[in-house]
Each structure stands twice: as structure tokens, then as C-alpha cells.
Protein backbone atom coordinates (compact mmCIF):
# COMPACT_ATOMS: atom_id res chain seq x y z
CA MET A 1 15.79 21.07 3.26
CA ALA A 2 12.67 18.61 3.84
CA ALA A 3 13.80 16.47 1.02
CA ILE A 4 17.18 16.06 2.72
CA ALA A 5 15.70 15.47 5.89
CA ARG A 6 13.68 12.70 4.55
CA ASP A 7 16.31 10.92 2.61
CA SER A 8 18.22 11.24 6.21
CA VAL A 9 15.55 9.34 8.04
CA ARG A 10 14.41 6.84 5.07
CA TYR A 11 18.10 5.56 3.98
CA GLY A 12 19.91 6.08 7.85
CA LEU A 13 17.61 5.10 10.09
CA ILE A 14 14.30 3.23 8.81
CA LYS A 15 16.08 1.37 5.91
CA PRO A 16 18.81 -0.41 8.42
CA VAL A 17 15.64 -1.46 10.39
CA MET A 18 13.97 -3.06 7.78
CA SER A 19 16.88 -5.04 6.88
CA ARG A 20 16.92 -6.36 10.53
CA ALA A 21 13.70 -6.72 10.66
CA VAL A 22 12.63 -8.67 7.04
CA LYS A 23 14.74 -10.56 4.20
CA LEU A 24 13.45 -8.45 1.44
CA HIS A 25 13.41 -9.36 -2.29
CA VAL A 26 12.34 -7.11 -5.23
CA HIS A 27 10.66 -7.83 -8.52
CA GLY A 28 10.01 -6.68 -11.62
CA ARG A 29 11.84 -3.43 -11.15
CA ASP A 30 12.76 -3.13 -14.79
CA HIS A 31 8.85 -1.66 -15.25
CA LEU A 32 10.04 1.34 -13.56
CA ASP A 33 12.50 2.03 -16.09
CA ASP A 34 10.45 4.22 -18.43
CA LEU A 35 8.33 5.44 -15.97
CA ARG A 36 7.69 9.34 -15.27
CA ALA A 37 6.15 11.38 -13.10
CA PRO A 38 3.11 12.09 -12.31
CA PHE A 39 1.72 8.71 -11.92
CA LEU A 40 -0.05 6.51 -8.97
CA VAL A 41 1.35 3.78 -6.96
CA THR A 42 -1.53 1.36 -5.82
CA PRO A 43 -0.05 -1.73 -3.49
CA ASN A 44 -2.43 -4.26 -1.60
CA HIS A 45 -2.40 -3.14 2.20
CA SER A 46 -2.09 -5.71 5.43
CA GLY A 47 0.78 -4.63 7.54
CA HIS A 48 2.81 -2.14 8.71
CA PHE A 49 5.78 -1.91 6.43
CA ASP A 50 4.03 -1.37 3.58
CA GLY A 51 4.61 1.93 2.69
CA PRO A 52 8.44 2.12 3.96
CA LEU A 53 8.63 -1.03 1.86
CA VAL A 54 7.47 0.70 -1.59
CA VAL A 55 9.33 3.93 -0.98
CA LEU A 56 12.47 2.05 -0.04
CA THR A 57 12.55 0.13 -3.18
CA MET A 58 11.47 2.69 -5.76
CA PRO A 59 14.43 4.47 -7.29
CA ASN A 60 15.16 7.66 -5.99
CA ARG A 61 14.12 9.53 -8.70
CA LEU A 62 10.70 8.32 -8.59
CA THR A 63 10.28 8.86 -4.82
CA ARG A 64 12.13 12.38 -4.82
CA GLN A 65 8.29 13.81 -5.80
CA LEU A 66 6.25 10.87 -4.48
CA ALA A 67 3.91 11.62 -2.01
CA THR A 68 1.54 9.17 0.08
CA GLY A 69 -2.05 9.42 1.17
CA ALA A 70 -2.60 8.32 4.78
CA ALA A 71 -5.75 8.55 6.71
CA ALA A 72 -6.44 11.67 8.21
CA ASP A 73 -8.41 11.18 11.05
CA TYR A 74 -5.25 8.21 12.04
CA PHE A 75 -2.06 9.93 11.09
CA PHE A 76 -3.36 13.76 11.13
CA ASN A 77 -5.33 13.72 14.55
CA LYS A 78 -1.74 14.44 16.42
CA TRP A 79 0.79 16.51 15.93
CA TYR A 80 3.53 14.32 16.37
CA THR A 81 2.15 11.60 14.30
CA ALA A 82 1.65 14.30 11.46
CA MET A 83 5.23 15.24 11.70
CA GLY A 84 6.73 11.73 11.56
CA THR A 85 4.18 10.59 8.57
CA GLN A 86 4.91 13.89 6.73
CA LEU A 87 8.65 13.35 7.49
CA LEU A 88 8.99 9.95 6.72
CA MET A 89 6.64 9.39 3.66
CA ASN A 90 5.90 12.98 2.67
CA ALA A 91 2.32 12.11 3.52
CA PHE A 92 -0.70 13.89 2.76
CA PRO A 93 -4.11 13.68 4.33
CA VAL A 94 -6.62 11.74 2.95
CA ASP A 95 -10.61 11.46 4.35
CA ARG A 96 -11.71 8.32 5.02
CA ALA A 97 -15.30 7.25 4.22
CA ARG A 98 -16.78 7.73 7.50
CA ASN A 99 -14.91 11.21 8.65
CA ARG A 100 -15.12 13.13 5.19
CA SER A 101 -13.84 16.77 5.33
CA LYS A 102 -14.00 19.33 3.20
CA SER A 103 -10.76 20.90 3.79
CA HIS A 104 -8.68 17.77 2.17
CA ARG A 105 -10.97 17.38 -0.65
CA GLY A 106 -9.28 17.98 -4.26
CA MET A 107 -5.68 17.72 -2.88
CA SER A 108 -4.65 14.52 -4.83
CA GLY A 109 -5.51 15.82 -7.88
CA GLU A 110 -3.89 19.44 -7.44
CA LEU A 111 -0.63 17.17 -6.23
CA LEU A 112 -1.14 15.15 -9.75
CA ASP A 113 -1.58 18.52 -11.80
CA ALA A 114 1.70 19.76 -9.95
CA GLY A 115 3.84 16.76 -11.47
CA VAL A 116 4.02 14.82 -7.72
CA SER A 117 3.17 11.15 -8.22
CA LEU A 118 0.91 9.39 -5.34
CA LEU A 119 1.41 6.33 -3.37
CA ILE A 120 -2.49 5.36 -2.54
CA PHE A 121 -3.56 2.19 -0.75
CA PRO A 122 -6.80 1.30 -2.73
CA GLU A 123 -8.44 -0.74 0.16
CA GLY A 124 -8.47 2.55 2.24
CA THR A 125 -6.84 0.48 5.23
CA ARG A 126 -4.67 -2.38 6.49
CA SER A 127 -6.31 -5.85 6.23
CA ARG A 128 -6.79 -7.58 9.40
CA THR A 129 -6.62 -11.55 7.39
CA GLY A 130 -3.76 -10.81 4.77
CA GLY A 131 -6.56 -11.09 2.26
CA MET A 132 -6.99 -8.15 -0.03
CA GLY A 133 -9.95 -6.23 0.27
CA ARG A 134 -12.36 -4.41 -2.29
CA PHE A 135 -10.54 -1.57 -4.19
CA LYS A 136 -12.16 2.22 -3.73
CA PRO A 137 -12.69 3.53 -6.57
CA GLY A 138 -11.26 6.81 -6.12
CA THR A 139 -7.85 6.03 -6.87
CA ALA A 140 -8.81 4.48 -10.59
CA ALA A 141 -11.06 7.91 -11.18
CA LEU A 142 -8.04 9.96 -10.23
CA ALA A 143 -5.77 8.27 -12.89
CA ILE A 144 -8.88 8.62 -15.74
CA ALA A 145 -9.83 12.33 -14.99
CA HIS A 146 -5.91 13.40 -14.39
CA ASN A 147 -4.55 11.32 -17.32
CA VAL A 148 -1.95 9.59 -15.61
CA PRO A 149 -0.96 5.55 -15.26
CA ILE A 150 -1.10 3.16 -12.13
CA LEU A 151 1.70 1.35 -10.98
CA PRO A 152 0.18 -2.37 -9.68
CA VAL A 153 2.52 -3.33 -6.59
CA ALA A 154 1.97 -6.25 -4.71
CA ILE A 155 3.46 -7.02 -1.41
CA VAL A 156 3.81 -10.74 -0.62
CA GLY A 157 4.41 -11.51 3.38
CA SER A 158 3.85 -8.35 4.72
CA TRP A 159 1.00 -9.21 7.10
CA ALA A 160 2.86 -12.39 8.51
CA ALA A 161 6.07 -10.19 8.74
CA TRP A 162 3.94 -7.30 10.79
CA PRO A 163 0.18 -7.78 11.03
CA PRO A 164 -1.72 -4.95 11.91
CA THR A 165 -2.77 -6.20 14.98
CA GLU A 166 0.62 -6.25 16.72
CA LYS A 167 3.08 -3.73 18.34
CA ARG A 168 5.88 -5.08 17.14
CA TRP A 169 6.81 -7.34 13.89
CA VAL A 170 7.54 -10.87 14.17
CA PRO A 171 11.03 -11.94 15.12
CA GLY A 172 13.53 -14.08 12.78
CA ARG A 173 13.42 -11.80 9.57
CA PRO A 174 10.93 -13.37 7.51
CA ASP A 175 10.89 -13.34 3.81
CA VAL A 176 8.82 -10.19 2.34
CA HIS A 177 8.52 -9.78 -1.46
CA VAL A 178 7.71 -6.59 -3.24
CA VAL A 179 6.45 -7.03 -6.89
CA TYR A 180 6.22 -4.30 -9.45
CA GLY A 181 3.88 -4.57 -12.78
CA ALA A 182 3.71 -2.79 -15.65
CA PRO A 183 2.21 0.51 -15.39
CA MET A 184 -1.83 0.16 -16.57
CA THR A 185 -4.01 3.06 -18.29
CA ALA A 186 -7.38 2.85 -18.65
CA ALA A 187 -9.05 1.89 -21.88
CA PRO A 188 -11.03 4.11 -23.59
CA GLY A 189 -14.78 4.35 -22.16
CA GLU A 190 -13.44 2.34 -19.36
CA ILE A 191 -15.24 3.73 -15.96
CA ALA A 192 -13.25 3.95 -12.76
CA HIS A 193 -15.19 1.18 -11.22
CA GLU A 194 -14.26 -1.34 -13.88
CA PHE A 195 -10.35 0.23 -14.22
CA SER A 196 -10.00 -0.18 -10.39
CA GLU A 197 -11.02 -3.90 -10.40
CA ARG A 198 -8.49 -4.55 -13.61
CA VAL A 199 -6.24 -3.11 -10.95
CA ARG A 200 -7.09 -5.27 -8.54
CA ARG A 201 -6.98 -8.64 -10.63
CA LYS A 202 -3.81 -7.71 -11.57
CA ILE A 203 -2.26 -7.14 -8.37
CA ILE A 204 -3.83 -10.77 -6.90
CA GLU A 205 -2.37 -12.14 -10.12
CA MET A 206 0.95 -10.65 -9.29
CA HIS A 207 0.65 -11.69 -5.39
CA ASP A 208 -0.27 -15.31 -6.39
CA GLY A 209 2.65 -15.69 -8.96
CA VAL A 210 5.34 -14.72 -6.53
CA ALA A 211 3.77 -16.71 -3.84
CA ARG A 212 3.12 -19.68 -5.46
CA ALA A 213 6.71 -19.50 -6.64
CA TYR A 214 8.19 -19.02 -2.84
CA GLY A 215 5.90 -21.31 -1.04
CA MET A 216 3.84 -18.80 0.62
CA PRO A 217 0.20 -18.31 0.82
CA THR A 218 -2.01 -17.18 -1.85
CA GLN A 219 -4.21 -14.65 -1.50
CA ALA A 220 -7.40 -17.35 -1.75
CA GLU A 221 -5.48 -19.46 0.53
CA MET A 222 -5.34 -16.44 3.07
CA MET A 223 -8.70 -15.85 3.01
CA HIS A 224 -10.01 -19.72 3.63
CA LEU A 225 -7.71 -19.63 6.73
CA ALA A 226 -9.62 -16.12 7.98
CA ALA A 227 -13.02 -18.01 7.33
CA ILE A 228 -11.81 -20.81 8.95
CA GLU A 229 -10.52 -18.69 11.97
CA ARG A 230 -13.74 -16.54 12.12
CA ALA A 231 -15.73 -20.01 12.37
CA ARG A 232 -13.54 -21.09 15.17
CA ARG A 233 -13.94 -18.07 17.17
CA SER A 234 -17.93 -17.95 16.35
CA ASP A 235 -17.99 -21.78 17.83
CA GLU A 236 -15.98 -20.38 20.83
CA ARG A 237 -18.33 -17.64 21.54
CA LYS A 238 -21.55 -19.71 21.03
CA SER A 239 -20.11 -22.36 23.65
CA ARG A 240 -19.27 -19.56 26.20
CA ASP A 241 -22.74 -18.07 26.18
CA GLY A 242 -24.40 -21.50 25.61
């Protein structure tokens, strides 16, 4: 019953809303043809649309047993946000570094061992600039410990379509691209930090390849623009205080 309700919400409500909000383009779906559960999906994270974008563009055979890691202190602190997140994204609580709880430890591994794939944003939170942050190595450690592949996903244009600081998405149906890469596994002897950084570099490469092809900002360009904006705000504060 839960799966039927979830599909009804995803495809009857969320997908039509997404279609009106953005022009969605999907690349690399052929990389999913031979993929079998369990696996870890690791997109970059910069906008409110990111989770639904991934869930709605993957084949139903893969999302049927896909759970999404969501911040326990943000999505599970109220019953109605928890219910909505669980219904839409089949979410489970993930404790962020500043708010660790013993009650949720080990849940990710238990789900993988039960054959459930996981969607986890390895940055841990949405980027406020559009540029990718550092990856937490926990996702790579899970992949190594449970011998499952990581599916790298690059989302291009999500920050511009609905920045995390805004209450509503940007009008005009901006272009958003979801790019799937080939599944990745840790090399023999590769530790979590190394594997995590290799996945991050691959996602940047995927992001920037599509960004250049469609005239959109690359990761380096977004970081540069963010640095300029920070400098401008700093100068304004100094002028006011001076």
C-alpha cells in the first residue's frame, strides 16, 4: 500500500509540478541498464528539486526499492514533515555531524544488507552557492563495507532553478539536466576518503561536460562567482561599519 501511495504522489502530483517548473533533460540512462540493487546513488546537492529529480528520472524497477537519506534534525523533527518526506522519497533519518543520535546509527547498512538501495547526498546539505562542497566519506565507506557500487549523478542547473535560500522556484521553466554516470566500485586497497574524492571528481567532470555543452556555469565558474559575491558583501559591511 505504501508503494502504491508513493507512486501516486510522485507521478500524479510531483511529476506534473516538476514539468511545469523546469525543462528537464536526462543523460546517461544507458548506464542504468545493467544496474541491480543494492547500490548507492550519490548526486551533488544544490537545490530543492534534487531528490525528486533523481527519483523521477530513474527506472521504476530501480526506485521501487530505493530509500533516501534525509537529515534527521530537519526532515524528521516534526511529524508532518517526516510523513511527507517518507511518503514522497521513502526517506530514512540520517544524523548530521552536529546532531548525532545513537538511535539512527547502522540504519543505512541494515537497509543495504536487506537489498534496499540508498540515495544519499554526500555533501550532507544543499550548497548555498551552486558549487559542490566537500564529500563526507561515510557514503564511500558504506559502499566499501557492504560491497555495493556507487552510481554517480550530476545535477546541472538545480541551484538556479530553485536555490535553497528561496521559498519558491524561479519562473520561466529553466533548464535542468540530470546526468547518470557508470557505476563505480572501490579499487582494491582504496580507502573511503580516496574513493569518495574519486567519485566527487567524476561528478564534477560529468557536471562540467554538460554545463559547457549547454552554455551553463561550470563548478569552477560558480565558485568564482560566489567568491566575488562574498567579497562584495564584505566590502558593503565594511562601508556601513566604517
